[in-house]
Amino acid sequence: MVLVKLLYLADREALKKFESPITGDRMSSLPYGPVLSRILNLIKGGPIDEGDSPWFETVSPPEGYDVKLIGNHGYENLSGAEEKILAEIFQKYGNKTWQEMSRITHDLPEWIDPDGGSIPIQGEQILLYGGRSVDDLRQIKNEMASLEQLDREVAKYEGKLFYQDASGV
């Protein structure tokens, strides 16, 4: 639970600072506070797919709800700013118990009591609570839509070989 809460807080901080979370996981309100849904499922031994293999190269299989770091996979994918956020969050909260982390995250404005279920948390909520305006959110949303369109266009050409022969074709 502490790992899930630490990663949630890091994603939340990255979202507020850079308009993009570190993990890209889905944020949800659960009875014990906000969490990263996919990571929680991996720790609980939930369903996995082929994209989860880096997790299991880095983190041990769960023993109850406890996991251990077993590899160093993925650090090269983090920016210096992301590493700094992770270090700051760990320094501030890394010595807390899961019960303390639950209380801390219950006080976050985006957490809504799901009454035993689960409620998705949208990044926009965190940005608004972090002081962003509705106009800022519109601009961010437009920028993200443009980047997603660019990703789709680039994906169309992935794996295709383009070349020019002597005739220029």
C-alpha atoms as a PDB file:
ATOM      1  CA  MET A   1       0.000   0.000   0.000  1.00  0.00           C
ATOM      2  CA  VAL A   2       2.840   2.414   0.779  1.00  0.00           C
ATOM      3  CA  LEU A   3       4.381   1.883  -2.667  1.00  0.00           C
ATOM      4  CA  VAL A   4       1.047   2.504  -4.394  1.00  0.00           C
ATOM      5  CA  LYS A   5       0.514   5.688  -2.358  1.00  0.00           C
ATOM      6  CA  LEU A   6       4.060   6.935  -2.990  1.00  0.00           C
ATOM      7  CA  LEU A   7       3.666   6.389  -6.724  1.00  0.00           C
ATOM      8  CA  TYR A   8       0.240   8.051  -6.665  1.00  0.00           C
ATOM      9  CA  LEU A   9       1.688  11.114  -4.939  1.00  0.00           C
ATOM     10  CA  ALA A  10       4.573  11.214  -7.428  1.00  0.00           C
ATOM     11  CA  ASP A  11       2.189  10.981 -10.398  1.00  0.00           C
ATOM     12  CA  ARG A  12       0.038  13.692  -8.837  1.00  0.00           C
ATOM     13  CA  GLU A  13       3.032  15.997  -8.352  1.00  0.00           C
ATOM     14  CA  ALA A  14       4.310  15.386 -11.898  1.00  0.00           C
ATOM     15  CA  LEU A  15       0.843  16.099 -13.252  1.00  0.00           C
ATOM     16  CA  LYS A  16       0.702  19.402 -11.373  1.00  0.00           C
ATOM     17  CA  LYS A  17       4.219  20.429 -12.448  1.00  0.00           C
ATOM     18  CA  PHE A  18       4.454  19.050 -15.979  1.00  0.00           C
ATOM     19  CA  GLU A  19       0.855  18.264 -16.973  1.00  0.00           C
ATOM     20  CA  SER A  20       1.858  14.619 -17.354  1.00  0.00           C
ATOM     21  CA  PRO A  21       2.124  11.823 -14.774  1.00  0.00           C
ATOM     22  CA  ILE A  22       5.188   9.611 -14.471  1.00  0.00           C
ATOM     23  CA  THR A  23       3.558   6.168 -14.626  1.00  0.00           C
ATOM     24  CA  GLY A  24       0.606   6.847 -16.910  1.00  0.00           C
ATOM     25  CA  ASP A  25      -1.491   4.567 -14.705  1.00  0.00           C
ATOM     26  CA  ARG A  26      -5.188   5.124 -14.027  1.00  0.00           C
ATOM     27  CA  MET A  27      -5.920   7.064 -10.842  1.00  0.00           C
ATOM     28  CA  SER A  28      -8.879   5.928  -8.746  1.00  0.00           C
ATOM     29  CA  SER A  29     -10.547   6.710  -5.439  1.00  0.00           C
ATOM     30  CA  LEU A  30     -10.801   3.570  -3.324  1.00  0.00           C
ATOM     31  CA  PRO A  31     -11.933   3.202   0.303  1.00  0.00           C
ATOM     32  CA  TYR A  32      -8.323   3.570   1.556  1.00  0.00           C
ATOM     33  CA  GLY A  33      -7.735   6.699  -0.532  1.00  0.00           C
ATOM     34  CA  PRO A  34      -6.537   7.386  -4.059  1.00  0.00           C
ATOM     35  CA  VAL A  35      -4.378   4.777  -5.801  1.00  0.00           C
ATOM     36  CA  LEU A  36      -2.870   3.834  -9.141  1.00  0.00           C
ATOM     37  CA  SER A  37      -5.229   1.071 -10.258  1.00  0.00           C
ATOM     38  CA  ARG A  38      -3.018  -1.041 -12.509  1.00  0.00           C
ATOM     39  CA  ILE A  39      -0.069  -1.014 -10.132  1.00  0.00           C
ATOM     40  CA  LEU A  40      -2.348  -1.971  -7.237  1.00  0.00           C
ATOM     41  CA  ASN A  41      -3.699  -4.872  -9.310  1.00  0.00           C
ATOM     42  CA  LEU A  42      -0.156  -6.044 -10.100  1.00  0.00           C
ATOM     43  CA  ILE A  43       0.767  -5.963  -6.412  1.00  0.00           C
ATOM     44  CA  LYS A  44      -2.407  -7.834  -5.481  1.00  0.00           C
ATOM     45  CA  GLY A  45      -1.603 -10.505  -8.064  1.00  0.00           C
ATOM     46  CA  GLY A  46      -4.408  -9.430 -10.384  1.00  0.00           C
ATOM     47  CA  PRO A  47      -4.679 -10.107 -14.112  1.00  0.00           C
ATOM     48  CA  ILE A  48      -1.555  -9.451 -16.150  1.00  0.00           C
ATOM     49  CA  ASP A  49      -0.795  -9.088 -19.816  1.00  0.00           C
ATOM     50  CA  GLU A  50       2.333  -9.165 -21.956  1.00  0.00           C
ATOM     51  CA  GLY A  51       2.973  -5.457 -21.354  1.00  0.00           C
ATOM     52  CA  ASP A  52       3.462  -6.163 -17.652  1.00  0.00           C
ATOM     53  CA  SER A  53       6.747  -8.049 -18.040  1.00  0.00           C
ATOM     54  CA  PRO A  54       8.935  -5.023 -17.122  1.00  0.00           C
ATOM     55  CA  TRP A  55       7.089  -4.829 -13.795  1.00  0.00           C
ATOM     56  CA  PHE A  56       7.990  -8.426 -12.963  1.00  0.00           C
ATOM     57  CA  GLU A  57      11.609  -7.898 -14.028  1.00  0.00           C
ATOM     58  CA  THR A  58      11.816  -5.068 -11.488  1.00  0.00           C
ATOM     59  CA  VAL A  59       9.435  -6.004  -8.681  1.00  0.00           C
ATOM     60  CA  SER A  60       9.107  -9.342  -6.906  1.00  0.00           C
ATOM     61  CA  PRO A  61       5.878 -11.322  -7.000  1.00  0.00           C
ATOM     62  CA  PRO A  62       3.647 -10.225  -4.114  1.00  0.00           C
ATOM     63  CA  GLU A  63       3.899 -11.931  -0.750  1.00  0.00           C
ATOM     64  CA  GLY A  64       0.590 -10.836   0.704  1.00  0.00           C
ATOM     65  CA  TYR A  65       0.704  -7.161  -0.218  1.00  0.00           C
ATOM     66  CA  ASP A  66       4.489  -6.878   0.100  1.00  0.00           C
ATOM     67  CA  VAL A  67       6.797  -6.562  -2.895  1.00  0.00           C
ATOM     68  CA  LYS A  68      10.546  -5.996  -3.198  1.00  0.00           C
ATOM     69  CA  LEU A  69      12.726  -4.309  -5.762  1.00  0.00           C
ATOM     70  CA  ILE A  70      14.619  -7.033  -7.641  1.00  0.00           C
ATOM     71  CA  GLY A  71      15.924  -5.138 -10.674  1.00  0.00           C
ATOM     72  CA  ASN A  72      16.762  -1.719 -11.998  1.00  0.00           C
ATOM     73  CA  HIS A  73      14.593  -1.760 -15.109  1.00  0.00           C
ATOM     74  CA  GLY A  74      13.308   1.514 -16.508  1.00  0.00           C
ATOM     75  CA  TYR A  75      15.412   4.220 -14.893  1.00  0.00           C
ATOM     76  CA  GLU A  76      16.767   5.210 -18.286  1.00  0.00           C
ATOM     77  CA  ASN A  77      13.204   6.140 -19.283  1.00  0.00           C
ATOM     78  CA  LEU A  78      12.877   8.704 -16.481  1.00  0.00           C
ATOM     79  CA  SER A  79      13.831  12.333 -16.911  1.00  0.00           C
ATOM     80  CA  GLY A  80      15.910  14.086 -14.281  1.00  0.00           C
ATOM     81  CA  ALA A  81      12.787  16.021 -13.263  1.00  0.00           C
ATOM     82  CA  GLU A  82      10.831  12.779 -12.771  1.00  0.00           C
ATOM     83  CA  GLU A  83      13.658  11.273 -10.722  1.00  0.00           C
ATOM     84  CA  LYS A  84      13.695  14.414  -8.582  1.00  0.00           C
ATOM     85  CA  ILE A  85       9.938  14.174  -7.925  1.00  0.00           C
ATOM     86  CA  LEU A  86      10.255  10.500  -6.969  1.00  0.00           C
ATOM     87  CA  ALA A  87      13.138  11.302  -4.593  1.00  0.00           C
ATOM     88  CA  GLU A  88      11.255  14.211  -3.007  1.00  0.00           C
ATOM     89  CA  ILE A  89       8.108  12.163  -2.488  1.00  0.00           C
ATOM     90  CA  PHE A  90      10.095   9.285  -1.000  1.00  0.00           C
ATOM     91  CA  GLN A  91      12.023  11.632   1.297  1.00  0.00           C
ATOM     92  CA  LYS A  92       8.807  13.217   2.540  1.00  0.00           C
ATOM     93  CA  TYR A  93       6.624  10.103   2.857  1.00  0.00           C
ATOM     94  CA  GLY A  94       8.852   7.028   2.557  1.00  0.00           C
ATOM     95  CA  ASN A  95       8.954   6.386   6.305  1.00  0.00           C
ATOM     96  CA  LYS A  96       5.161   6.411   6.746  1.00  0.00           C
ATOM     97  CA  THR A  97       3.053   3.338   7.460  1.00  0.00           C
ATOM     98  CA  TRP A  98       0.256   2.335   5.113  1.00  0.00           C
ATOM     99  CA  GLN A  99      -2.250   3.613   7.666  1.00  0.00           C
ATOM    100  CA  GLU A 100      -0.549   7.030   7.761  1.00  0.00           C
ATOM    101  CA  MET A 101      -0.409   7.108   3.962  1.00  0.00           C
ATOM    102  CA  SER A 102      -4.097   6.260   3.835  1.00  0.00           C
ATOM    103  CA  ARG A 103      -4.901   9.183   6.155  1.00  0.00           C
ATOM    104  CA  ILE A 104      -2.659  11.562   4.176  1.00  0.00           C
ATOM    105  CA  THR A 105      -4.235  10.667   0.850  1.00  0.00           C
ATOM    106  CA  HIS A 106      -7.774  10.814   2.290  1.00  0.00           C
ATOM    107  CA  ASP A 107      -7.119  14.531   2.826  1.00  0.00           C
ATOM    108  CA  LEU A 108      -6.402  15.164  -0.863  1.00  0.00           C
ATOM    109  CA  PRO A 109      -9.180  17.195  -2.479  1.00  0.00           C
ATOM    110  CA  GLU A 110      -9.636  14.808  -5.424  1.00  0.00           C
ATOM    111  CA  TRP A 111     -10.411  11.812  -3.202  1.00  0.00           C
ATOM    112  CA  ILE A 112     -14.112  10.983  -3.035  1.00  0.00           C
ATOM    113  CA  ASP A 113     -15.370   8.210  -0.770  1.00  0.00           C
ATOM    114  CA  PRO A 114     -16.395   5.485  -3.221  1.00  0.00           C
ATOM    115  CA  ASP A 115     -18.610   3.761  -0.645  1.00  0.00           C
ATOM    116  CA  GLY A 116     -16.797   0.450  -1.031  1.00  0.00           C
ATOM    117  CA  GLY A 117     -16.291   0.741  -4.787  1.00  0.00           C
ATOM    118  CA  SER A 118     -13.998   2.678  -7.071  1.00  0.00           C
ATOM    119  CA  ILE A 119     -14.328   6.109  -8.684  1.00  0.00           C
ATOM    120  CA  PRO A 120     -11.946   7.270 -11.440  1.00  0.00           C
ATOM    121  CA  ILE A 121      -9.899  10.386 -10.733  1.00  0.00           C
ATOM    122  CA  GLN A 122      -9.359  12.615 -13.740  1.00  0.00           C
ATOM    123  CA  GLY A 123      -6.113  14.512 -14.164  1.00  0.00           C
ATOM    124  CA  GLU A 124      -8.160  17.648 -14.763  1.00  0.00           C
ATOM    125  CA  GLN A 125      -9.424  17.459 -11.163  1.00  0.00           C
ATOM    126  CA  ILE A 126      -5.879  17.489  -9.819  1.00  0.00           C
ATOM    127  CA  LEU A 127      -4.888  20.371 -12.084  1.00  0.00           C
ATOM    128  CA  LEU A 128      -7.906  22.429 -10.981  1.00  0.00           C
ATOM    129  CA  TYR A 129      -7.199  21.731  -7.309  1.00  0.00           C
ATOM    130  CA  GLY A 130      -3.559  22.621  -8.010  1.00  0.00           C
ATOM    131  CA  GLY A 131      -4.543  26.110  -9.099  1.00  0.00           C
ATOM    132  CA  ARG A 132      -4.951  25.760 -12.872  1.00  0.00           C
ATOM    133  CA  SER A 133      -7.801  27.649 -14.502  1.00  0.00           C
ATOM    134  CA  VAL A 134     -10.460  26.223 -16.788  1.00  0.00           C
ATOM    135  CA  ASP A 135      -8.785  28.128 -19.657  1.00  0.00           C
ATOM    136  CA  ASP A 136      -5.467  26.436 -18.775  1.00  0.00           C
ATOM    137  CA  LEU A 137      -7.206  23.061 -18.919  1.00  0.00           C
ATOM    138  CA  ARG A 138      -8.663  23.829 -22.356  1.00  0.00           C
ATOM    139  CA  GLN A 139      -5.220  24.767 -23.652  1.00  0.00           C
ATOM    140  CA  ILE A 140      -3.628  21.649 -22.133  1.00  0.00           C
ATOM    141  CA  LYS A 141      -6.388  19.468 -23.595  1.00  0.00           C
ATOM    142  CA  ASN A 142      -5.867  21.008 -27.056  1.00  0.00           C
ATOM    143  CA  GLU A 143      -2.104  20.464 -26.832  1.00  0.00           C
ATOM    144  CA  MET A 144      -2.617  16.862 -25.764  1.00  0.00           C
ATOM    145  CA  ALA A 145      -5.072  16.268 -28.627  1.00  0.00           C
ATOM    146  CA  SER A 146      -2.476  17.647 -31.064  1.00  0.00           C
ATOM    147  CA  LEU A 147       0.212  15.374 -29.638  1.00  0.00           C
ATOM    148  CA  GLU A 148      -2.120  12.360 -29.820  1.00  0.00           C
ATOM    149  CA  GLN A 149      -2.868  13.177 -33.467  1.00  0.00           C
ATOM    150  CA  LEU A 150       0.858  13.423 -34.169  1.00  0.00           C
ATOM    151  CA  ASP A 151       1.383  10.047 -32.462  1.00  0.00           C
ATOM    152  CA  ARG A 152      -1.327   8.498 -34.658  1.00  0.00           C
ATOM    153  CA  GLU A 153       0.260   9.955 -37.811  1.00  0.00           C
ATOM    154  CA  VAL A 154       3.717   8.694 -36.853  1.00  0.00           C
ATOM    155  CA  ALA A 155       2.277   5.269 -35.986  1.00  0.00           C
ATOM    156  CA  LYS A 156       0.893   4.970 -39.514  1.00  0.00           C
ATOM    157  CA  TYR A 157       4.444   4.959 -40.840  1.00  0.00           C
ATOM    158  CA  GLU A 158       6.132   2.790 -38.210  1.00  0.00           C
ATOM    159  CA  GLY A 159       7.616  -0.309 -39.706  1.00  0.00           C
ATOM    160  CA  LYS A 160       7.298   0.972 -43.268  1.00  0.00           C
ATOM    161  CA  LEU A 161      10.425   1.436 -45.295  1.00  0.00           C
ATOM    162  CA  PHE A 162      10.617   4.615 -47.303  1.00  0.00           C
ATOM    163  CA  TYR A 163      13.369   5.119 -49.845  1.00  0.00           C
ATOM    164  CA  GLN A 164      14.113   6.806 -53.088  1.00  0.00           C
ATOM    165  CA  ASP A 165      15.506   4.922 -55.993  1.00  0.00           C
ATOM    166  CA  ALA A 166      17.654   6.471 -58.721  1.00  0.00           C
ATOM    167  CA  SER A 167      14.577   7.804 -60.521  1.00  0.00           C
ATOM    168  CA  GLY A 168      13.532   9.753 -57.413  1.00  0.00           C
ATOM    169  CA  VAL A 169      10.539   7.510 -56.647  1.00  0.00           C
END
